[in-house]
């Protein structure tokens, strides 16, 4: 633990030293003067004649297809309502019924 703490402190000191040390100024180099670029004249676009829009032939309207008629289904007779039945009595065990333990808590 002490070794890692010393190593950490060494990193901190090195970083602080780098932050506090002023950097020397680097002189900027002089760029050579470039000659002016020659002006290039672009050729003008030739004028194109206007073309008339071609007329599209009219498409004749097609007759709408007739949908087949769906035959009527026979009506289903309604079923009679189900009568409400009372809940059946729930079975009970006699009071002297022996109870068998399912799991034993003590191991032999």
N, C-alpha and C. Protein backbone atom coordinates (compact mmCIF):
# COMPACT_ATOMS: atom_id res chain seq x y z
N UNK A 1 0.83 -1.19 0.00
CA UNK A 1 0.00 0.00 0.00
C UNK A 1 0.88 1.25 0.00
N UNK A 2 1.95 1.20 0.77
CA UNK A 2 2.84 2.36 0.86
C UNK A 2 3.52 2.61 -0.47
N UNK A 3 3.90 1.53 -1.16
CA UNK A 3 4.58 1.67 -2.44
C UNK A 3 3.67 2.32 -3.47
N UNK A 4 2.38 1.91 -3.49
CA UNK A 4 1.46 2.51 -4.45
C UNK A 4 1.20 3.97 -4.11
N UNK A 5 1.18 4.32 -2.82
CA UNK A 5 0.98 5.70 -2.41
C UNK A 5 2.17 6.56 -2.84
N UNK A 6 3.39 6.03 -2.69
CA UNK A 6 4.57 6.77 -3.12
C UNK A 6 4.58 6.97 -4.63
N UNK A 7 4.18 5.92 -5.35
CA UNK A 7 4.13 6.02 -6.80
C UNK A 7 3.11 7.07 -7.23
N UNK A 8 1.95 7.09 -6.54
CA UNK A 8 0.90 8.05 -6.86
C UNK A 8 1.39 9.47 -6.61
N UNK A 9 2.08 9.68 -5.49
CA UNK A 9 2.60 11.01 -5.17
C UNK A 9 3.63 11.45 -6.19
N UNK A 10 4.43 10.51 -6.71
CA UNK A 10 5.43 10.86 -7.72
C UNK A 10 4.75 11.34 -9.00
N UNK A 11 3.66 10.68 -9.36
CA UNK A 11 2.90 11.11 -10.56
C UNK A 11 2.32 12.50 -10.36
N UNK A 12 1.78 12.76 -9.16
CA UNK A 12 1.18 14.06 -8.87
C UNK A 12 2.24 15.15 -8.95
N UNK A 13 3.41 14.90 -8.39
CA UNK A 13 4.47 15.91 -8.40
C UNK A 13 4.95 16.17 -9.84
N UNK A 14 5.07 15.12 -10.62
CA UNK A 14 5.49 15.30 -12.01
C UNK A 14 4.47 16.09 -12.80
N UNK A 15 3.20 15.82 -12.59
CA UNK A 15 2.15 16.54 -13.30
C UNK A 15 2.12 18.00 -12.88
N UNK A 16 2.30 18.26 -11.59
CA UNK A 16 2.30 19.64 -11.10
C UNK A 16 3.49 20.41 -11.66
N UNK A 17 4.63 19.77 -11.74
CA UNK A 17 5.83 20.41 -12.30
C UNK A 17 5.59 20.79 -13.76
N UNK A 18 4.96 19.88 -14.52
CA UNK A 18 4.70 20.18 -15.93
C UNK A 18 3.70 21.32 -16.08
N UNK A 19 2.72 21.39 -15.18
CA UNK A 19 1.73 22.46 -15.28
C UNK A 19 2.31 23.83 -14.90
N UNK A 20 3.25 23.86 -13.97
CA UNK A 20 3.78 25.12 -13.49
C UNK A 20 4.97 25.62 -14.31
N UNK A 21 5.57 24.80 -15.16
CA UNK A 21 6.73 25.20 -15.95
C UNK A 21 6.25 25.97 -17.18
N UNK A 22 6.73 27.23 -17.39
CA UNK A 22 6.30 27.97 -18.59
C UNK A 22 6.96 27.38 -19.84
N UNK A 23 6.23 27.42 -20.92
CA UNK A 23 6.76 26.91 -22.18
C UNK A 23 7.51 28.01 -22.90
N UNK A 24 8.62 27.68 -23.57
CA UNK A 24 9.33 28.72 -24.34
C UNK A 24 8.51 29.08 -25.58
N UNK A 25 8.62 30.33 -25.97
CA UNK A 25 7.87 30.75 -27.16
C UNK A 25 8.59 30.26 -28.40
N UNK A 26 7.83 29.72 -29.31
CA UNK A 26 8.38 29.21 -30.56
C UNK A 26 8.18 30.30 -31.62
N UNK A 27 9.26 30.70 -32.30
CA UNK A 27 9.08 31.75 -33.32
C UNK A 27 8.28 31.21 -34.51
N UNK A 28 7.42 32.06 -35.02
CA UNK A 28 6.60 31.65 -36.16
C UNK A 28 7.42 31.83 -37.44
N UNK A 29 7.43 30.82 -38.30
CA UNK A 29 8.20 30.96 -39.54
C UNK A 29 7.46 31.89 -40.51
N UNK A 30 8.23 32.59 -41.33
CA UNK A 30 7.63 33.48 -42.33
C UNK A 30 7.28 32.65 -43.56
N UNK A 31 6.08 32.85 -44.03
CA UNK A 31 5.62 32.13 -45.22
C UNK A 31 6.08 32.89 -46.46
N UNK A 32 6.50 32.16 -47.51
CA UNK A 32 6.89 32.87 -48.73
C UNK A 32 5.65 33.46 -49.40
N UNK A 33 5.86 34.58 -50.06
CA UNK A 33 4.73 35.23 -50.74
C UNK A 33 4.42 34.46 -52.02
N UNK A 34 3.16 34.20 -52.19
CA UNK A 34 2.71 33.47 -53.38
C UNK A 34 2.30 34.46 -54.45
N UNK A 35 2.59 34.13 -55.71
CA UNK A 35 2.13 35.04 -56.77
C UNK A 35 0.61 34.94 -56.89
N UNK A 36 -0.01 36.00 -57.36
CA UNK A 36 -1.47 35.95 -57.48
C UNK A 36 -1.88 34.90 -58.52
N UNK A 37 -2.99 34.25 -58.25
CA UNK A 37 -3.49 33.21 -59.16
C UNK A 37 -4.09 33.87 -60.39
N UNK A 38 -3.85 33.27 -61.56
CA UNK A 38 -4.46 33.85 -62.76
C UNK A 38 -5.97 33.64 -62.76
N UNK A 39 -6.69 34.62 -63.31
CA UNK A 39 -8.14 34.50 -63.39
C UNK A 39 -8.50 33.61 -64.56
N UNK A 40 -9.34 32.65 -64.29
CA UNK A 40 -9.75 31.73 -65.34
C UNK A 40 -11.16 32.09 -65.76
N UNK A 41 -11.33 32.24 -67.07
CA UNK A 41 -12.66 32.57 -67.58
C UNK A 41 -13.35 31.27 -67.98
N UNK A 42 -14.51 31.08 -67.44
CA UNK A 42 -15.28 29.88 -67.75
C UNK A 42 -16.11 30.13 -69.01
N UNK A 43 -16.20 29.12 -69.88
CA UNK A 43 -17.05 29.31 -71.06
C UNK A 43 -18.52 29.39 -70.64
N UNK A 44 -19.24 30.21 -71.38
CA UNK A 44 -20.66 30.36 -71.05
C UNK A 44 -21.45 29.16 -71.56
N UNK A 45 -22.54 28.89 -70.89
CA UNK A 45 -23.37 27.77 -71.29
C UNK A 45 -24.05 28.09 -72.62
N UNK A 46 -24.08 27.10 -73.49
CA UNK A 46 -24.83 27.36 -74.73
C UNK A 46 -26.32 27.35 -74.42
N UNK A 47 -27.03 28.17 -75.12
CA UNK A 47 -28.48 28.24 -74.90
C UNK A 47 -29.14 27.07 -75.62
N UNK A 48 -29.94 26.34 -74.88
CA UNK A 48 -30.63 25.20 -75.47
C UNK A 48 -32.04 25.63 -75.85
N UNK A 49 -32.50 25.10 -76.97
CA UNK A 49 -33.88 25.45 -77.36
C UNK A 49 -34.88 24.78 -76.41
N UNK A 50 -35.98 25.45 -76.20
CA UNK A 50 -37.00 24.89 -75.32
C UNK A 50 -37.77 23.82 -76.08
N UNK A 51 -37.92 22.71 -75.43
CA UNK A 51 -38.65 21.60 -76.03
C UNK A 51 -40.07 21.59 -75.49
N UNK A 52 -41.04 21.36 -76.38
CA UNK A 52 -42.42 21.32 -75.88
C UNK A 52 -42.65 20.02 -75.11
N UNK A 53 -43.53 20.09 -74.14
CA UNK A 53 -43.86 18.90 -73.38
C UNK A 53 -44.68 17.95 -74.26
N UNK A 54 -44.29 16.68 -74.29
CA UNK A 54 -45.06 15.75 -75.12
C UNK A 54 -46.42 15.48 -74.46
N UNK A 55 -47.42 15.33 -75.28
CA UNK A 55 -48.76 15.04 -74.76
C UNK A 55 -48.89 13.53 -74.57
N UNK A 56 -49.36 13.18 -73.42
CA UNK A 56 -49.54 11.77 -73.13
C UNK A 56 -50.91 11.32 -73.64
N UNK A 57 -50.95 10.12 -74.20
CA UNK A 57 -52.26 9.65 -74.68
C UNK A 57 -53.17 9.37 -73.48
N UNK A 58 -54.45 9.62 -73.66
CA UNK A 58 -55.41 9.40 -72.60
C UNK A 58 -55.68 7.90 -72.48
N UNK A 59 -55.68 7.44 -71.25
CA UNK A 59 -55.96 6.03 -71.00
C UNK A 59 -57.46 5.89 -70.77
N UNK A 60 -58.10 4.99 -71.51
CA UNK A 60 -59.56 4.85 -71.31
C UNK A 60 -59.84 4.27 -69.92
N UNK A 61 -60.92 4.72 -69.34
CA UNK A 61 -61.29 4.22 -68.02
C UNK A 61 -61.89 2.83 -68.17
N UNK A 62 -61.42 1.94 -67.34
CA UNK A 62 -61.93 0.57 -67.39
C UNK A 62 -63.17 0.47 -66.51
N UNK A 63 -64.11 -0.38 -66.92
CA UNK A 63 -65.32 -0.52 -66.09
C UNK A 63 -64.95 -1.21 -64.78
N UNK A 64 -65.66 -0.83 -63.72
CA UNK A 64 -65.38 -1.41 -62.41
C UNK A 64 -65.94 -2.83 -62.40
N UNK A 65 -65.16 -3.79 -61.88
CA UNK A 65 -65.67 -5.16 -61.84
C UNK A 65 -66.77 -5.29 -60.78
N UNK A 66 -67.74 -6.10 -61.10
CA UNK A 66 -68.83 -6.33 -60.15
C UNK A 66 -68.40 -7.37 -59.13
N UNK A 67 -68.63 -7.05 -57.87
CA UNK A 67 -68.28 -7.97 -56.81
C UNK A 67 -69.37 -9.05 -56.71
N UNK A 68 -68.96 -10.30 -56.45
CA UNK A 68 -69.99 -11.34 -56.31
C UNK A 68 -70.81 -11.11 -55.05
N UNK A 69 -72.08 -11.45 -55.12
CA UNK A 69 -72.96 -11.27 -53.97
C UNK A 69 -72.73 -12.41 -52.99
N UNK A 70 -72.66 -12.06 -51.72
CA UNK A 70 -72.44 -13.05 -50.68
C UNK A 70 -73.82 -13.56 -50.24
N UNK A 71 -74.00 -14.87 -50.26
CA UNK A 71 -75.31 -15.37 -49.84
C UNK A 71 -75.52 -15.14 -48.34
N UNK A 72 -76.78 -14.92 -47.97
CA UNK A 72 -77.09 -14.69 -46.56
C UNK A 72 -77.03 -16.01 -45.81
N UNK A 73 -76.41 -15.97 -44.64
CA UNK A 73 -76.29 -17.17 -43.82
C UNK A 73 -77.57 -17.35 -43.01
N UNK A 74 -77.94 -18.61 -42.76
CA UNK A 74 -79.15 -18.82 -41.95
C UNK A 74 -78.92 -18.35 -40.52
N UNK A 75 -79.97 -17.86 -39.91
CA UNK A 75 -79.86 -17.35 -38.54
C UNK A 75 -79.78 -18.52 -37.59
N UNK A 76 -78.87 -18.42 -36.61
CA UNK A 76 -78.68 -19.47 -35.60
C UNK A 76 -79.65 -19.18 -34.46
N UNK A 77 -80.42 -20.20 -34.06
CA UNK A 77 -81.34 -19.93 -32.95
C UNK A 77 -80.57 -19.69 -31.66
N UNK A 78 -81.10 -18.82 -30.82
CA UNK A 78 -80.44 -18.51 -29.55
C UNK A 78 -80.60 -19.66 -28.59
N UNK A 79 -79.53 -19.95 -27.82
CA UNK A 79 -79.56 -21.02 -26.85
C UNK A 79 -80.24 -20.51 -25.58
N UNK A 80 -80.92 -21.41 -24.88
CA UNK A 80 -81.56 -20.95 -23.63
C UNK A 80 -80.48 -20.60 -22.60
N UNK A 81 -80.85 -19.71 -21.70
CA UNK A 81 -79.91 -19.26 -20.68
C UNK A 81 -79.61 -20.41 -19.72
N UNK A 82 -78.36 -20.51 -19.26
CA UNK A 82 -77.96 -21.55 -18.32
C UNK A 82 -78.43 -21.12 -16.93
N UNK A 83 -79.17 -22.00 -16.24
CA UNK A 83 -79.64 -21.60 -14.90
C UNK A 83 -78.47 -21.54 -13.92
N UNK A 84 -78.57 -20.66 -12.94
CA UNK A 84 -77.52 -20.50 -11.93
C UNK A 84 -77.69 -21.59 -10.90
N UNK A 85 -76.63 -22.37 -10.69
CA UNK A 85 -76.68 -23.44 -9.71
C UNK A 85 -75.95 -23.01 -8.45
N UNK A 86 -76.46 -23.38 -7.28
CA UNK A 86 -75.75 -23.01 -6.04
C UNK A 86 -74.47 -23.83 -5.93
N UNK A 87 -73.51 -23.31 -5.18
CA UNK A 87 -72.24 -24.00 -4.99
C UNK A 87 -72.49 -25.29 -4.21
N UNK A 88 -71.85 -26.41 -4.60
CA UNK A 88 -72.05 -27.65 -3.86
C UNK A 88 -71.39 -27.57 -2.49
N UNK A 89 -71.88 -28.33 -1.53
CA UNK A 89 -71.26 -28.26 -0.19
C UNK A 89 -69.84 -28.81 -0.23
N UNK A 90 -68.97 -28.19 0.53
CA UNK A 90 -67.56 -28.59 0.53
C UNK A 90 -67.37 -29.71 1.55
N UNK A 91 -66.55 -30.73 1.20
CA UNK A 91 -66.36 -31.84 2.14
C UNK A 91 -65.51 -31.40 3.33
N UNK A 92 -65.81 -31.97 4.45
CA UNK A 92 -65.04 -31.68 5.66
C UNK A 92 -64.53 -32.99 6.24
N UNK A 93 -63.44 -32.93 6.97
CA UNK A 93 -62.86 -34.12 7.59
C UNK A 93 -63.45 -34.30 8.99
N UNK A 94 -63.62 -35.55 9.41
CA UNK A 94 -64.08 -35.74 10.79
C UNK A 94 -63.02 -35.24 11.78
N UNK A 95 -63.47 -34.90 12.97
CA UNK A 95 -62.55 -34.33 13.96
C UNK A 95 -61.53 -35.35 14.46
N UNK A 96 -61.84 -36.61 14.46
CA UNK A 96 -60.90 -37.61 14.95
C UNK A 96 -60.07 -38.22 13.82
N UNK A 97 -59.94 -37.54 12.68
CA UNK A 97 -59.18 -38.04 11.52
C UNK A 97 -57.69 -37.92 11.83
N UNK A 98 -56.89 -39.01 11.67
CA UNK A 98 -55.46 -38.92 12.01
C UNK A 98 -54.69 -38.10 10.97
N UNK A 99 -53.79 -37.27 11.42
CA UNK A 99 -52.95 -36.44 10.54
C UNK A 99 -51.59 -37.12 10.44
N UNK A 100 -51.15 -37.39 9.19
CA UNK A 100 -49.85 -38.02 8.96
C UNK A 100 -48.86 -36.93 8.60
N UNK A 101 -47.76 -36.82 9.34
CA UNK A 101 -46.78 -35.76 9.00
C UNK A 101 -46.11 -36.08 7.65
N UNK A 102 -45.96 -35.06 6.85
CA UNK A 102 -45.40 -35.24 5.50
C UNK A 102 -43.87 -35.23 5.56
N UNK A 103 -43.27 -34.36 6.33
CA UNK A 103 -41.81 -34.25 6.42
C UNK A 103 -41.38 -34.39 7.86
N UNK A 104 -40.34 -35.13 8.04
CA UNK A 104 -39.83 -35.29 9.40
C UNK A 104 -38.77 -34.22 9.64
N UNK A 105 -38.86 -33.57 10.79
CA UNK A 105 -37.88 -32.51 11.09
C UNK A 105 -36.66 -33.06 11.80
N UNK A 106 -36.75 -34.28 12.35
CA UNK A 106 -35.59 -34.86 13.02
C UNK A 106 -35.06 -36.01 12.19
N UNK A 107 -33.77 -36.06 12.02
CA UNK A 107 -33.15 -37.13 11.23
C UNK A 107 -32.67 -38.21 12.20
N UNK A 108 -32.90 -39.50 11.90
CA UNK A 108 -32.44 -40.57 12.79
C UNK A 108 -30.94 -40.75 12.73
